[in-house]
Amino acid sequence: EGAVRHAKAHVRGLFEHLTVAAGTVEISAESFSEVVSQGDLISFRADRPHSYRVIEGPVRLVSVHEYPQRANA
């Protein structure tokens, strides 16, 4: 509890989709801060610095990164 992980910005246009499998975590970025718990799903733009702070642990997350489509694809 109280552990924090700071993540750098990912590639431009990337969205991160997180499902909380266990525990409670606060997800924060410049424009938002949200507390999510087991069973919750959160999606956000991860092309900006963001962080994860454990509120109640242990925390287990399933993370899916949605990369932007290339302009010439």
PDB file of N, CA and C in Angstrom:
ATOM      1  N   GLU A   1       0.842  -1.192   0.000  1.00  0.00           N
ATOM      2  CA  GLU A   1       0.000   0.000   0.000  1.00  0.00           C
ATOM      3  C   GLU A   1       0.873   1.235   0.000  1.00  0.00           C
ATOM      4  N   GLY A   2       0.455   2.234  -0.777  1.00  0.00           N
ATOM      5  CA  GLY A   2       1.226   3.455  -0.899  1.00  0.00           C
ATOM      6  C   GLY A   2       2.277   3.415  -1.993  1.00  0.00           C
ATOM      7  N   ALA A   3       2.555   2.231  -2.542  1.00  0.00           N
ATOM      8  CA  ALA A   3       3.544   2.131  -3.618  1.00  0.00           C
ATOM      9  C   ALA A   3       3.071   2.944  -4.824  1.00  0.00           C
ATOM     10  N   VAL A   4       4.014   3.607  -5.480  1.00  0.00           N
ATOM     11  CA  VAL A   4       3.692   4.436  -6.645  1.00  0.00           C
ATOM     12  C   VAL A   4       4.581   4.028  -7.810  1.00  0.00           C
ATOM     13  N   ARG A   5       3.987   3.947  -8.972  1.00  0.00           N
ATOM     14  CA  ARG A   5       4.747   3.710 -10.205  1.00  0.00           C
ATOM     15  C   ARG A   5       4.463   4.861 -11.150  1.00  0.00           C
ATOM     16  N   HIS A   6       5.509   5.535 -11.576  1.00  0.00           N
ATOM     17  CA  HIS A   6       5.391   6.631 -12.532  1.00  0.00           C
ATOM     18  C   HIS A   6       5.714   6.093 -13.919  1.00  0.00           C
ATOM     19  N   ALA A   7       4.841   6.375 -14.863  1.00  0.00           N
ATOM     20  CA  ALA A   7       5.043   5.921 -16.237  1.00  0.00           C
ATOM     21  C   ALA A   7       5.254   7.132 -17.137  1.00  0.00           C
ATOM     22  N   LYS A   8       6.240   7.028 -18.006  1.00  0.00           N
ATOM     23  CA  LYS A   8       6.476   8.082 -18.989  1.00  0.00           C
ATOM     24  C   LYS A   8       5.387   8.016 -20.048  1.00  0.00           C
ATOM     25  N   ALA A   9       5.277   9.093 -20.810  1.00  0.00           N
ATOM     26  CA  ALA A   9       4.317   9.126 -21.913  1.00  0.00           C
ATOM     27  C   ALA A   9       4.665   8.056 -22.934  1.00  0.00           C
ATOM     28  N   HIS A  10       3.638   7.365 -23.432  1.00  0.00           N
ATOM     29  CA  HIS A  10       3.822   6.392 -24.501  1.00  0.00           C
ATOM     30  C   HIS A  10       3.721   7.126 -25.840  1.00  0.00           C
ATOM     31  N   VAL A  11       3.728   6.397 -26.929  1.00  0.00           N
ATOM     32  CA  VAL A  11       3.664   7.029 -28.246  1.00  0.00           C
ATOM     33  C   VAL A  11       2.392   7.863 -28.396  1.00  0.00           C
ATOM     34  N   ARG A  12       2.476   8.883 -29.226  1.00  0.00           N
ATOM     35  CA  ARG A  12       1.348   9.798 -29.433  1.00  0.00           C
ATOM     36  C   ARG A  12       0.113   9.027 -29.902  1.00  0.00           C
ATOM     37  N   GLY A  13      -1.017   9.296 -29.253  1.00  0.00           N
ATOM     38  CA  GLY A  13      -2.279   8.677 -29.633  1.00  0.00           C
ATOM     39  C   GLY A  13      -2.579   7.346 -28.968  1.00  0.00           C
ATOM     40  N   LEU A  14      -1.677   6.858 -28.107  1.00  0.00           N
ATOM     41  CA  LEU A  14      -1.888   5.561 -27.461  1.00  0.00           C
ATOM     42  C   LEU A  14      -2.936   5.671 -26.349  1.00  0.00           C
ATOM     43  N   PHE A  15      -3.861   4.716 -26.326  1.00  0.00           N
ATOM     44  CA  PHE A  15      -4.822   4.605 -25.233  1.00  0.00           C
ATOM     45  C   PHE A  15      -4.470   3.378 -24.407  1.00  0.00           C
ATOM     46  N   GLU A  16      -4.627   3.496 -23.097  1.00  0.00           N
ATOM     47  CA  GLU A  16      -4.385   2.372 -22.198  1.00  0.00           C
ATOM     48  C   GLU A  16      -5.727   1.971 -21.596  1.00  0.00           C
ATOM     49  N   HIS A  17      -6.011   0.680 -21.602  1.00  0.00           N
ATOM     50  CA  HIS A  17      -7.232   0.122 -21.028  1.00  0.00           C
ATOM     51  C   HIS A  17      -6.799  -0.798 -19.897  1.00  0.00           C
ATOM     52  N   LEU A  18      -7.225  -0.503 -18.674  1.00  0.00           N
ATOM     53  CA  LEU A  18      -6.834  -1.286 -17.498  1.00  0.00           C
ATOM     54  C   LEU A  18      -8.057  -1.892 -16.841  1.00  0.00           C
ATOM     55  N   THR A  19      -7.971  -3.168 -16.538  1.00  0.00           N
ATOM     56  CA  THR A  19      -8.963  -3.841 -15.710  1.00  0.00           C
ATOM     57  C   THR A  19      -8.275  -4.215 -14.413  1.00  0.00           C
ATOM     58  N   VAL A  20      -8.926  -3.934 -13.298  1.00  0.00           N
ATOM     59  CA  VAL A  20      -8.356  -4.240 -11.988  1.00  0.00           C
ATOM     60  C   VAL A  20      -8.815  -5.646 -11.593  1.00  0.00           C
ATOM     61  N   ALA A  21      -7.851  -6.551 -11.461  1.00  0.00           N
ATOM     62  CA  ALA A  21      -8.152  -7.931 -11.078  1.00  0.00           C
ATOM     63  C   ALA A  21      -8.182  -8.091  -9.567  1.00  0.00           C
ATOM     64  N   ALA A  22      -7.424  -7.253  -8.846  1.00  0.00           N
ATOM     65  CA  ALA A  22      -7.391  -7.319  -7.376  1.00  0.00           C
ATOM     66  C   ALA A  22      -6.901  -5.985  -6.830  1.00  0.00           C
ATOM     67  N   GLY A  23      -7.425  -5.608  -5.672  1.00  0.00           N
ATOM     68  CA  GLY A  23      -6.964  -4.403  -4.985  1.00  0.00           C
ATOM     69  C   GLY A  23      -7.639  -3.132  -5.458  1.00  0.00           C
ATOM     70  N   THR A  24      -7.099  -2.019  -4.978  1.00  0.00           N
ATOM     71  CA  THR A  24      -7.595  -0.691  -5.325  1.00  0.00           C
ATOM     72  C   THR A  24      -6.397   0.183  -5.644  1.00  0.00           C
ATOM     73  N   VAL A  25      -6.498   0.929  -6.753  1.00  0.00           N
ATOM     74  CA  VAL A  25      -5.381   1.745  -7.224  1.00  0.00           C
ATOM     75  C   VAL A  25      -5.903   3.093  -7.712  1.00  0.00           C
ATOM     76  N   GLU A  26      -5.102   4.122  -7.511  1.00  0.00           N
ATOM     77  CA  GLU A  26      -5.416   5.445  -8.045  1.00  0.00           C
ATOM     78  C   GLU A  26      -4.586   5.639  -9.309  1.00  0.00           C
ATOM     79  N   ILE A  27      -5.269   5.935 -10.416  1.00  0.00           N
ATOM     80  CA  ILE A  27      -4.611   6.211 -11.691  1.00  0.00           C
ATOM     81  C   ILE A  27      -4.689   7.726 -11.882  1.00  0.00           C
ATOM     82  N   SER A  28      -3.535   8.342 -12.133  1.00  0.00           N
ATOM     83  CA  SER A  28      -3.499   9.799 -12.269  1.00  0.00           C
ATOM     84  C   SER A  28      -2.689  10.214 -13.482  1.00  0.00           C
ATOM     85  N   ALA A  29      -3.121  11.313 -14.079  1.00  0.00           N
ATOM     86  CA  ALA A  29      -2.389  11.985 -15.148  1.00  0.00           C
ATOM     87  C   ALA A  29      -2.627  13.470 -14.951  1.00  0.00           C
ATOM     88  N   GLU A  30      -2.090  14.246 -15.836  1.00  0.00           N
ATOM     89  CA  GLU A  30      -2.230  15.701 -15.725  1.00  0.00           C
ATOM     90  C   GLU A  30      -3.694  16.143 -15.668  1.00  0.00           C
ATOM     91  N   SER A  31      -4.556  15.466 -16.431  1.00  0.00           N
ATOM     92  CA  SER A  31      -5.940  15.920 -16.572  1.00  0.00           C
ATOM     93  C   SER A  31      -6.963  15.160 -15.732  1.00  0.00           C
ATOM     94  N   PHE A  32      -6.545  14.120 -14.988  1.00  0.00           N
ATOM     95  CA  PHE A  32      -7.518  13.352 -14.212  1.00  0.00           C
ATOM     96  C   PHE A  32      -6.838  12.578 -13.085  1.00  0.00           C
ATOM     97  N   SER A  33      -7.652  12.135 -12.147  1.00  0.00           N
ATOM     98  CA  SER A  33      -7.236  11.220 -11.085  1.00  0.00           C
ATOM     99  C   SER A  33      -8.458  10.385 -10.745  1.00  0.00           C
ATOM    100  N   GLU A  34      -8.308   9.063 -10.821  1.00  0.00           N
ATOM    101  CA  GLU A  34      -9.453   8.167 -10.620  1.00  0.00           C
ATOM    102  C   GLU A  34      -9.033   6.983  -9.759  1.00  0.00           C
ATOM    103  N   VAL A  35      -9.875   6.627  -8.790  1.00  0.00           N
ATOM    104  CA  VAL A  35      -9.636   5.454  -7.954  1.00  0.00           C
ATOM    105  C   VAL A  35     -10.489   4.316  -8.511  1.00  0.00           C
ATOM    106  N   VAL A  36      -9.834   3.186  -8.805  1.00  0.00           N
ATOM    107  CA  VAL A  36     -10.529   2.030  -9.363  1.00  0.00           C
ATOM    108  C   VAL A  36     -10.218   0.795  -8.525  1.00  0.00           C
ATOM    109  N   SER A  37     -11.190  -0.106  -8.459  1.00  0.00           N
ATOM    110  CA  SER A  37     -11.081  -1.304  -7.622  1.00  0.00           C
ATOM    111  C   SER A  37     -11.373  -2.552  -8.442  1.00  0.00           C
ATOM    112  N   GLN A  38     -11.258  -3.697  -7.792  1.00  0.00           N
ATOM    113  CA  GLN A  38     -11.470  -4.983  -8.444  1.00  0.00           C
ATOM    114  C   GLN A  38     -12.744  -4.976  -9.282  1.00  0.00           C
ATOM    115  N   GLY A  39     -12.586  -5.392 -10.539  1.00  0.00           N
ATOM    116  CA  GLY A  39     -13.723  -5.458 -11.460  1.00  0.00           C
ATOM    117  C   GLY A  39     -13.921  -4.205 -12.288  1.00  0.00           C
ATOM    118  N   ASP A  40     -13.254  -3.112 -11.932  1.00  0.00           N
ATOM    119  CA  ASP A  40     -13.407  -1.862 -12.672  1.00  0.00           C
ATOM    120  C   ASP A  40     -12.530  -1.855 -13.921  1.00  0.00           C
ATOM    121  N   LEU A  41     -12.950  -1.069 -14.899  1.00  0.00           N
ATOM    122  CA  LEU A  41     -12.202  -0.840 -16.126  1.00  0.00           C
ATOM    123  C   LEU A  41     -12.033   0.655 -16.291  1.00  0.00           C
ATOM    124  N   ILE A  42     -10.839   1.079 -16.666  1.00  0.00           N
ATOM    125  CA  ILE A  42     -10.586   2.482 -16.958  1.00  0.00           C
ATOM    126  C   ILE A  42      -9.809   2.553 -18.259  1.00  0.00           C
ATOM    127  N   SER A  43     -10.149   3.523 -19.090  1.00  0.00           N
ATOM    128  CA  SER A  43      -9.435   3.771 -20.345  1.00  0.00           C
ATOM    129  C   SER A  43      -9.019   5.221 -20.357  1.00  0.00           C
ATOM    130  N   PHE A  44      -7.790   5.479 -20.795  1.00  0.00           N
ATOM    131  CA  PHE A  44      -7.296   6.855 -20.808  1.00  0.00           C
ATOM    132  C   PHE A  44      -6.181   7.002 -21.827  1.00  0.00           C
ATOM    133  N   ARG A  45      -5.956   8.251 -22.231  1.00  0.00           N
ATOM    134  CA  ARG A  45      -4.832   8.551 -23.117  1.00  0.00           C
ATOM    135  C   ARG A  45      -3.558   8.396 -22.322  1.00  0.00           C
ATOM    136  N   ALA A  46      -2.687   7.528 -22.788  1.00  0.00           N
ATOM    137  CA  ALA A  46      -1.437   7.261 -22.071  1.00  0.00           C
ATOM    138  C   ALA A  46      -0.245   7.864 -22.812  1.00  0.00           C
ATOM    139  N   ASP A  47      -0.516   8.847 -23.667  1.00  0.00           N
ATOM    140  CA  ASP A  47       0.574   9.521 -24.368  1.00  0.00           C
ATOM    141  C   ASP A  47       1.041  10.749 -23.594  1.00  0.00           C
ATOM    142  N   ARG A  48       0.736  10.724 -22.311  1.00  0.00           N
ATOM    143  CA  ARG A  48       1.185  11.745 -21.360  1.00  0.00           C
ATOM    144  C   ARG A  48       1.682  11.006 -20.123  1.00  0.00           C
ATOM    145  N   PRO A  49       2.562  11.619 -19.349  1.00  0.00           N
ATOM    146  CA  PRO A  49       3.000  10.949 -18.110  1.00  0.00           C
ATOM    147  C   PRO A  49       1.793  10.608 -17.238  1.00  0.00           C
ATOM    148  N   HIS A  50       1.845   9.452 -16.592  1.00  0.00           N
ATOM    149  CA  HIS A  50       0.758   9.020 -15.719  1.00  0.00           C
ATOM    150  C   HIS A  50       1.346   8.172 -14.602  1.00  0.00           C
ATOM    151  N   SER A  51       0.521   7.925 -13.574  1.00  0.00           N
ATOM    152  CA  SER A  51       1.035   7.162 -12.432  1.00  0.00           C
ATOM    153  C   SER A  51      -0.046   6.266 -11.856  1.00  0.00           C
ATOM    154  N   TYR A  52       0.434   5.283 -11.094  1.00  0.00           N
ATOM    155  CA  TYR A  52      -0.412   4.310 -10.416  1.00  0.00           C
ATOM    156  C   TYR A  52      -0.001   4.329  -8.944  1.00  0.00           C
ATOM    157  N   ARG A  53      -0.960   4.534  -8.053  1.00  0.00           N
ATOM    158  CA  ARG A  53      -0.664   4.520  -6.615  1.00  0.00           C
ATOM    159  C   ARG A  53      -1.579   3.503  -5.940  1.00  0.00           C
ATOM    160  N   VAL A  54      -0.972   2.549  -5.248  1.00  0.00           N
ATOM    161  CA  VAL A  54      -1.739   1.500  -4.576  1.00  0.00           C
ATOM    162  C   VAL A  54      -2.463   2.094  -3.371  1.00  0.00           C
ATOM    163  N   ILE A  55      -3.771   1.935  -3.344  1.00  0.00           N
ATOM    164  CA  ILE A  55      -4.593   2.363  -2.213  1.00  0.00           C
ATOM    165  C   ILE A  55      -4.756   1.193  -1.252  1.00  0.00           C
ATOM    166  N   GLU A  56      -5.110   0.034  -1.814  1.00  0.00           N
ATOM    167  CA  GLU A  56      -5.272  -1.196  -1.027  1.00  0.00           C
ATOM    168  C   GLU A  56      -4.726  -2.343  -1.866  1.00  0.00           C
ATOM    169  N   GLY A  57      -3.802  -3.074  -1.323  1.00  0.00           N
ATOM    170  CA  GLY A  57      -3.131  -4.085  -2.135  1.00  0.00           C
ATOM    171  C   GLY A  57      -3.174  -5.453  -1.507  1.00  0.00           C
ATOM    172  N   PRO A  58      -2.565  -6.397  -2.204  1.00  0.00           N
ATOM    173  CA  PRO A  58      -1.826  -6.184  -3.446  1.00  0.00           C
ATOM    174  C   PRO A  58      -2.762  -5.878  -4.621  1.00  0.00           C
ATOM    175  N   VAL A  59      -2.204  -5.178  -5.608  1.00  0.00           N
ATOM    176  CA  VAL A  59      -2.965  -4.800  -6.800  1.00  0.00           C
ATOM    177  C   VAL A  59      -2.487  -5.642  -7.972  1.00  0.00           C
ATOM    178  N   ARG A  60      -3.456  -6.130  -8.741  1.00  0.00           N
ATOM    179  CA  ARG A  60      -3.155  -6.836  -9.977  1.00  0.00           C
ATOM    180  C   ARG A  60      -3.973  -6.172 -11.087  1.00  0.00           C
ATOM    181  N   LEU A  61      -3.283  -5.797 -12.154  1.00  0.00           N
ATOM    182  CA  LEU A  61      -3.918  -5.106 -13.276  1.00  0.00           C
ATOM    183  C   LEU A  61      -3.708  -5.891 -14.564  1.00  0.00           C
ATOM    184  N   VAL A  62      -4.689  -5.818 -15.440  1.00  0.00           N
ATOM    185  CA  VAL A  62      -4.535  -6.307 -16.805  1.00  0.00           C
ATOM    186  C   VAL A  62      -4.551  -5.061 -17.681  1.00  0.00           C
ATOM    187  N   SER A  63      -3.466  -4.848 -18.415  1.00  0.00           N
ATOM    188  CA  SER A  63      -3.315  -3.639 -19.218  1.00  0.00           C
ATOM    189  C   SER A  63      -3.258  -3.983 -20.700  1.00  0.00           C
ATOM    190  N   VAL A  64      -4.062  -3.274 -21.483  1.00  0.00           N
ATOM    191  CA  VAL A  64      -4.050  -3.419 -22.933  1.00  0.00           C
ATOM    192  C   VAL A  64      -3.727  -2.050 -23.514  1.00  0.00           C
ATOM    193  N   HIS A  65      -2.706  -2.004 -24.369  1.00  0.00           N
ATOM    194  CA  HIS A  65      -2.329  -0.754 -25.030  1.00  0.00           C
ATOM    195  C   HIS A  65      -2.905  -0.756 -26.440  1.00  0.00           C
ATOM    196  N   GLU A  66      -3.639   0.294 -26.744  1.00  0.00           N
ATOM    197  CA  GLU A  66      -4.246   0.461 -28.072  1.00  0.00           C
ATOM    198  C   GLU A  66      -3.423   1.497 -28.828  1.00  0.00           C
ATOM    199  N   TYR A  67      -2.632   1.012 -29.761  1.00  0.00           N
ATOM    200  CA  TYR A  67      -1.744   1.889 -30.530  1.00  0.00           C
ATOM    201  C   TYR A  67      -2.526   2.562 -31.653  1.00  0.00           C
ATOM    202  N   PRO A  68      -2.155   3.802 -31.969  1.00  0.00           N
ATOM    203  CA  PRO A  68      -2.849   4.511 -33.062  1.00  0.00           C
ATOM    204  C   PRO A  68      -2.529   3.859 -34.393  1.00  0.00           C
ATOM    205  N   GLN A  69      -3.454   3.986 -35.316  1.00  0.00           N
ATOM    206  CA  GLN A  69      -3.231   3.472 -36.673  1.00  0.00           C
ATOM    207  C   GLN A  69      -2.256   4.413 -37.366  1.00  0.00           C
ATOM    208  N   ARG A  70      -1.292   3.856 -38.051  1.00  0.00           N
ATOM    209  CA  ARG A  70      -0.344   4.682 -38.791  1.00  0.00           C
ATOM    210  C   ARG A  70      -1.052   5.385 -39.924  1.00  0.00           C
ATOM    211  N   ALA A  71      -0.657   6.616 -40.186  1.00  0.00           N
ATOM    212  CA  ALA A  71      -1.304   7.431 -41.233  1.00  0.00           C
ATOM    213  C   ALA A  71      -1.168   6.813 -42.608  1.00  0.00           C
ATOM    214  N   ASN A  72      -0.068   6.100 -42.880  1.00  0.00           N
ATOM    215  CA  ASN A  72       0.139   5.525 -44.213  1.00  0.00           C
ATOM    216  C   ASN A  72      -0.198   4.036 -44.269  1.00  0.00           C
ATOM    217  N   ALA A  73      -0.924   3.541 -43.278  1.00  0.00           N
ATOM    218  CA  ALA A  73      -1.250   2.106 -43.257  1.00  0.00           C
ATOM    219  C   ALA A  73      -2.483   1.829 -44.080  1.00  0.00           C
TER     220      ALA A  73
END
